[in-house]
Amino acid sequence: MSGVFKAVPAALTAFSTVNQAVGATVTAAGSADAEAMLAAAAAALGPIGASFLTAYAPAQAGNLAATLLLGQLHAGIGGATAASNAAVVAADNS
């Protein structure tokens, strides 16, 4: 397969900007106060929900950790795209 690679700097900039924004938004969502969330759940469920909370706490922690990783992934994609875009523009201008 042969073809010509054509980078579109404006599109790369837009893609990078969106991924960086998504990364920041997802990271903010995953930065929730896990201890406060667990305390709120414990208050709502009372002693009857104690057995549920023993399973809920690690699941919540895993979910928040995965959310933070997803935010970092988007931020990394945005950063890598911005760096690639700068390299392409620099090469085209030289």
N, C-alpha and C. Protein backbone atom coordinates (compact mmCIF):
# COMPACT_ATOMS: atom_id res chain seq x y z
N MET A 1 0.84 -1.16 0.00
CA MET A 1 0.00 0.00 0.00
C MET A 1 0.90 1.24 0.00
N SER A 2 0.60 2.13 -0.86
CA SER A 2 1.38 3.37 -0.90
C SER A 2 0.42 4.54 -0.86
N GLY A 3 0.91 5.61 -0.31
CA GLY A 3 0.09 6.80 -0.21
C GLY A 3 0.94 7.95 0.23
N VAL A 4 0.35 9.08 0.22
CA VAL A 4 1.05 10.29 0.61
C VAL A 4 0.50 10.71 1.97
N PHE A 5 1.41 10.92 2.89
CA PHE A 5 1.02 11.41 4.21
C PHE A 5 0.82 12.91 4.13
N LYS A 6 -0.32 13.36 4.62
CA LYS A 6 -0.58 14.79 4.63
C LYS A 6 -1.07 15.17 6.02
N ALA A 7 -0.24 15.93 6.71
CA ALA A 7 -0.64 16.42 8.03
C ALA A 7 -1.38 17.75 7.85
N VAL A 8 -2.43 17.90 8.59
CA VAL A 8 -3.21 19.15 8.56
C VAL A 8 -3.03 19.80 9.93
N PRO A 9 -2.12 20.77 10.03
CA PRO A 9 -1.81 21.36 11.33
C PRO A 9 -3.03 21.85 12.11
N ALA A 10 -3.98 22.47 11.44
CA ALA A 10 -5.16 22.97 12.15
C ALA A 10 -5.96 21.82 12.77
N ALA A 11 -6.06 20.72 12.04
CA ALA A 11 -6.78 19.56 12.56
C ALA A 11 -6.02 18.93 13.73
N LEU A 12 -4.70 18.87 13.61
CA LEU A 12 -3.89 18.32 14.70
C LEU A 12 -4.01 19.20 15.94
N THR A 13 -4.02 20.50 15.75
CA THR A 13 -4.17 21.42 16.88
C THR A 13 -5.53 21.23 17.55
N ALA A 14 -6.56 21.11 16.75
CA ALA A 14 -7.91 20.90 17.30
C ALA A 14 -7.99 19.58 18.06
N PHE A 15 -7.43 18.52 17.49
CA PHE A 15 -7.43 17.21 18.13
C PHE A 15 -6.67 17.27 19.45
N SER A 16 -5.52 17.92 19.44
CA SER A 16 -4.71 18.06 20.65
C SER A 16 -5.45 18.84 21.72
N THR A 17 -6.06 19.95 21.34
CA THR A 17 -6.78 20.80 22.28
C THR A 17 -7.93 20.05 22.93
N VAL A 18 -8.68 19.32 22.12
CA VAL A 18 -9.82 18.57 22.66
C VAL A 18 -9.34 17.49 23.62
N ASN A 19 -8.30 16.75 23.26
CA ASN A 19 -7.81 15.70 24.14
C ASN A 19 -7.26 16.27 25.45
N GLN A 20 -6.59 17.40 25.39
CA GLN A 20 -6.08 18.00 26.62
C GLN A 20 -7.23 18.48 27.50
N ALA A 21 -8.27 19.02 26.90
CA ALA A 21 -9.43 19.46 27.67
C ALA A 21 -10.16 18.27 28.29
N VAL A 22 -10.32 17.21 27.52
CA VAL A 22 -10.97 16.00 28.04
C VAL A 22 -10.14 15.43 29.18
N GLY A 23 -8.82 15.41 29.00
CA GLY A 23 -7.95 14.91 30.06
C GLY A 23 -8.13 15.69 31.35
N ALA A 24 -8.20 17.01 31.25
CA ALA A 24 -8.38 17.84 32.44
C ALA A 24 -9.75 17.60 33.09
N THR A 25 -10.77 17.46 32.27
CA THR A 25 -12.12 17.25 32.79
C THR A 25 -12.24 15.89 33.47
N VAL A 26 -11.72 14.85 32.83
CA VAL A 26 -11.80 13.50 33.40
C VAL A 26 -10.96 13.42 34.68
N THR A 27 -9.79 14.04 34.67
CA THR A 27 -8.95 14.04 35.87
C THR A 27 -9.64 14.76 37.02
N ALA A 28 -10.29 15.85 36.73
CA ALA A 28 -11.03 16.57 37.78
C ALA A 28 -12.14 15.69 38.35
N ALA A 29 -12.82 14.97 37.48
CA ALA A 29 -13.90 14.08 37.95
C ALA A 29 -13.33 12.94 38.80
N GLY A 30 -12.16 12.44 38.43
CA GLY A 30 -11.56 11.34 39.16
C GLY A 30 -10.86 11.77 40.42
N SER A 31 -10.72 13.06 40.62
CA SER A 31 -10.04 13.57 41.81
C SER A 31 -11.00 13.77 42.97
N ALA A 32 -12.10 13.09 42.93
CA ALA A 32 -13.10 13.21 43.99
C ALA A 32 -12.51 12.74 45.31
N ASP A 33 -13.04 13.25 46.38
CA ASP A 33 -12.60 12.86 47.72
C ASP A 33 -13.21 11.50 48.05
N ALA A 34 -12.43 10.46 47.83
CA ALA A 34 -12.94 9.09 48.01
C ALA A 34 -13.37 8.84 49.45
N GLU A 35 -12.64 9.38 50.40
CA GLU A 35 -12.99 9.17 51.81
C GLU A 35 -14.32 9.83 52.14
N ALA A 36 -14.54 11.04 51.64
CA ALA A 36 -15.81 11.73 51.88
C ALA A 36 -16.97 11.00 51.20
N MET A 37 -16.70 10.48 50.00
CA MET A 37 -17.76 9.74 49.30
C MET A 37 -18.13 8.47 50.08
N LEU A 38 -17.12 7.79 50.60
CA LEU A 38 -17.38 6.57 51.37
C LEU A 38 -18.11 6.91 52.67
N ALA A 39 -17.74 8.00 53.31
CA ALA A 39 -18.42 8.42 54.54
C ALA A 39 -19.88 8.75 54.27
N ALA A 40 -20.14 9.41 53.14
CA ALA A 40 -21.53 9.73 52.77
C ALA A 40 -22.33 8.46 52.52
N ALA A 41 -21.71 7.49 51.86
CA ALA A 41 -22.40 6.22 51.61
C ALA A 41 -22.66 5.50 52.93
N ALA A 42 -21.70 5.51 53.84
CA ALA A 42 -21.87 4.85 55.13
C ALA A 42 -23.00 5.51 55.92
N ALA A 43 -23.07 6.83 55.88
CA ALA A 43 -24.13 7.54 56.60
C ALA A 43 -25.50 7.21 56.00
N ALA A 44 -25.54 7.10 54.69
CA ALA A 44 -26.82 6.82 54.03
C ALA A 44 -27.27 5.38 54.26
N LEU A 45 -26.33 4.45 54.30
CA LEU A 45 -26.68 3.03 54.42
C LEU A 45 -26.80 2.55 55.87
N GLY A 46 -26.09 3.22 56.75
CA GLY A 46 -26.15 2.84 58.17
C GLY A 46 -25.50 1.49 58.41
N PRO A 47 -25.72 0.94 59.61
CA PRO A 47 -25.09 -0.32 59.97
C PRO A 47 -25.52 -1.50 59.09
N ILE A 48 -26.71 -1.41 58.54
CA ILE A 48 -27.20 -2.50 57.70
C ILE A 48 -26.37 -2.62 56.43
N GLY A 49 -25.80 -1.49 55.97
CA GLY A 49 -25.03 -1.50 54.74
C GLY A 49 -23.54 -1.78 54.92
N ALA A 50 -23.13 -2.16 56.13
CA ALA A 50 -21.70 -2.37 56.40
C ALA A 50 -21.10 -3.43 55.48
N SER A 51 -21.80 -4.51 55.25
CA SER A 51 -21.26 -5.56 54.39
C SER A 51 -21.13 -5.08 52.95
N PHE A 52 -22.06 -4.25 52.52
CA PHE A 52 -21.98 -3.68 51.18
C PHE A 52 -20.76 -2.77 51.07
N LEU A 53 -20.52 -1.98 52.09
CA LEU A 53 -19.42 -1.02 52.06
C LEU A 53 -18.06 -1.69 51.99
N THR A 54 -17.94 -2.88 52.55
CA THR A 54 -16.64 -3.57 52.47
C THR A 54 -16.31 -3.93 51.03
N ALA A 55 -17.29 -4.15 50.21
CA ALA A 55 -17.05 -4.41 48.78
C ALA A 55 -17.02 -3.11 47.99
N TYR A 56 -17.80 -2.14 48.43
CA TYR A 56 -17.91 -0.88 47.70
C TYR A 56 -16.62 -0.06 47.76
N ALA A 57 -15.98 -0.01 48.90
CA ALA A 57 -14.79 0.84 49.07
C ALA A 57 -13.68 0.50 48.08
N PRO A 58 -13.27 -0.78 47.96
CA PRO A 58 -12.21 -1.07 46.98
C PRO A 58 -12.67 -0.86 45.53
N ALA A 59 -13.93 -1.11 45.27
CA ALA A 59 -14.44 -0.89 43.91
C ALA A 59 -14.42 0.58 43.56
N GLN A 60 -14.81 1.41 44.52
CA GLN A 60 -14.78 2.86 44.30
C GLN A 60 -13.36 3.34 44.11
N ALA A 61 -12.44 2.86 44.91
CA ALA A 61 -11.04 3.27 44.79
C ALA A 61 -10.49 2.86 43.42
N GLY A 62 -10.82 1.66 42.99
CA GLY A 62 -10.37 1.19 41.66
C GLY A 62 -10.95 2.03 40.54
N ASN A 63 -12.22 2.39 40.69
CA ASN A 63 -12.87 3.22 39.67
C ASN A 63 -12.22 4.59 39.59
N LEU A 64 -11.96 5.21 40.74
CA LEU A 64 -11.35 6.53 40.73
C LEU A 64 -9.92 6.46 40.18
N ALA A 65 -9.18 5.40 40.51
CA ALA A 65 -7.81 5.25 39.98
C ALA A 65 -7.84 5.09 38.47
N ALA A 66 -8.78 4.30 37.97
CA ALA A 66 -8.90 4.10 36.52
C ALA A 66 -9.31 5.40 35.83
N THR A 67 -10.16 6.17 36.48
CA THR A 67 -10.58 7.45 35.92
C THR A 67 -9.39 8.39 35.80
N LEU A 68 -8.54 8.43 36.83
CA LEU A 68 -7.34 9.27 36.76
C LEU A 68 -6.41 8.82 35.64
N LEU A 69 -6.28 7.51 35.48
CA LEU A 69 -5.43 7.00 34.38
C LEU A 69 -5.99 7.40 33.02
N LEU A 70 -7.29 7.34 32.88
CA LEU A 70 -7.91 7.75 31.61
C LEU A 70 -7.66 9.23 31.34
N GLY A 71 -7.77 10.05 32.37
CA GLY A 71 -7.47 11.47 32.21
C GLY A 71 -6.03 11.69 31.78
N GLN A 72 -5.11 10.94 32.39
CA GLN A 72 -3.70 11.05 32.01
C GLN A 72 -3.48 10.60 30.57
N LEU A 73 -4.19 9.57 30.16
CA LEU A 73 -4.08 9.07 28.79
C LEU A 73 -4.49 10.15 27.79
N HIS A 74 -5.63 10.78 28.03
CA HIS A 74 -6.08 11.84 27.12
C HIS A 74 -5.10 13.01 27.10
N ALA A 75 -4.61 13.39 28.28
CA ALA A 75 -3.64 14.49 28.34
C ALA A 75 -2.37 14.11 27.58
N GLY A 76 -1.94 12.87 27.70
CA GLY A 76 -0.75 12.40 26.99
C GLY A 76 -0.95 12.39 25.48
N ILE A 77 -2.12 11.94 25.04
CA ILE A 77 -2.42 11.96 23.61
C ILE A 77 -2.41 13.40 23.09
N GLY A 78 -3.01 14.30 23.87
CA GLY A 78 -3.02 15.71 23.47
C GLY A 78 -1.62 16.28 23.39
N GLY A 79 -0.80 15.98 24.38
CA GLY A 79 0.58 16.48 24.39
C GLY A 79 1.41 15.91 23.27
N ALA A 80 1.27 14.61 23.03
CA ALA A 80 2.03 13.97 21.95
C ALA A 80 1.60 14.50 20.59
N THR A 81 0.32 14.74 20.42
CA THR A 81 -0.17 15.30 19.16
C THR A 81 0.36 16.71 18.95
N ALA A 82 0.38 17.50 20.02
CA ALA A 82 0.91 18.87 19.90
C ALA A 82 2.39 18.84 19.53
N ALA A 83 3.15 17.93 20.13
CA ALA A 83 4.58 17.83 19.81
C ALA A 83 4.79 17.37 18.36
N SER A 84 4.00 16.41 17.92
CA SER A 84 4.10 15.94 16.53
C SER A 84 3.73 17.05 15.56
N ASN A 85 2.70 17.79 15.90
CA ASN A 85 2.26 18.89 15.06
C ASN A 85 3.38 19.95 14.94
N ALA A 86 4.00 20.26 16.07
CA ALA A 86 5.10 21.25 16.03
C ALA A 86 6.25 20.76 15.17
N ALA A 87 6.55 19.47 15.24
CA ALA A 87 7.63 18.91 14.43
C ALA A 87 7.29 18.95 12.94
N VAL A 88 6.05 18.63 12.62
CA VAL A 88 5.61 18.66 11.21
C VAL A 88 5.68 20.09 10.67
N VAL A 89 5.17 21.04 11.44
CA VAL A 89 5.18 22.45 11.00
C VAL A 89 6.63 22.94 10.84
N ALA A 90 7.49 22.59 11.80
CA ALA A 90 8.89 22.99 11.71
C ALA A 90 9.57 22.40 10.48
N ALA A 91 9.27 21.14 10.18
CA ALA A 91 9.86 20.50 9.00
C ALA A 91 9.35 21.13 7.72
N ASP A 92 8.07 21.47 7.69
CA ASP A 92 7.50 22.09 6.50
C ASP A 92 8.06 23.51 6.28
N ASN A 93 8.38 24.18 7.36
CA ASN A 93 8.87 25.57 7.26
C ASN A 93 10.38 25.65 7.03
N SER A 94 11.06 24.52 7.06
CA SER A 94 12.51 24.58 6.86
C SER A 94 12.91 24.33 5.43
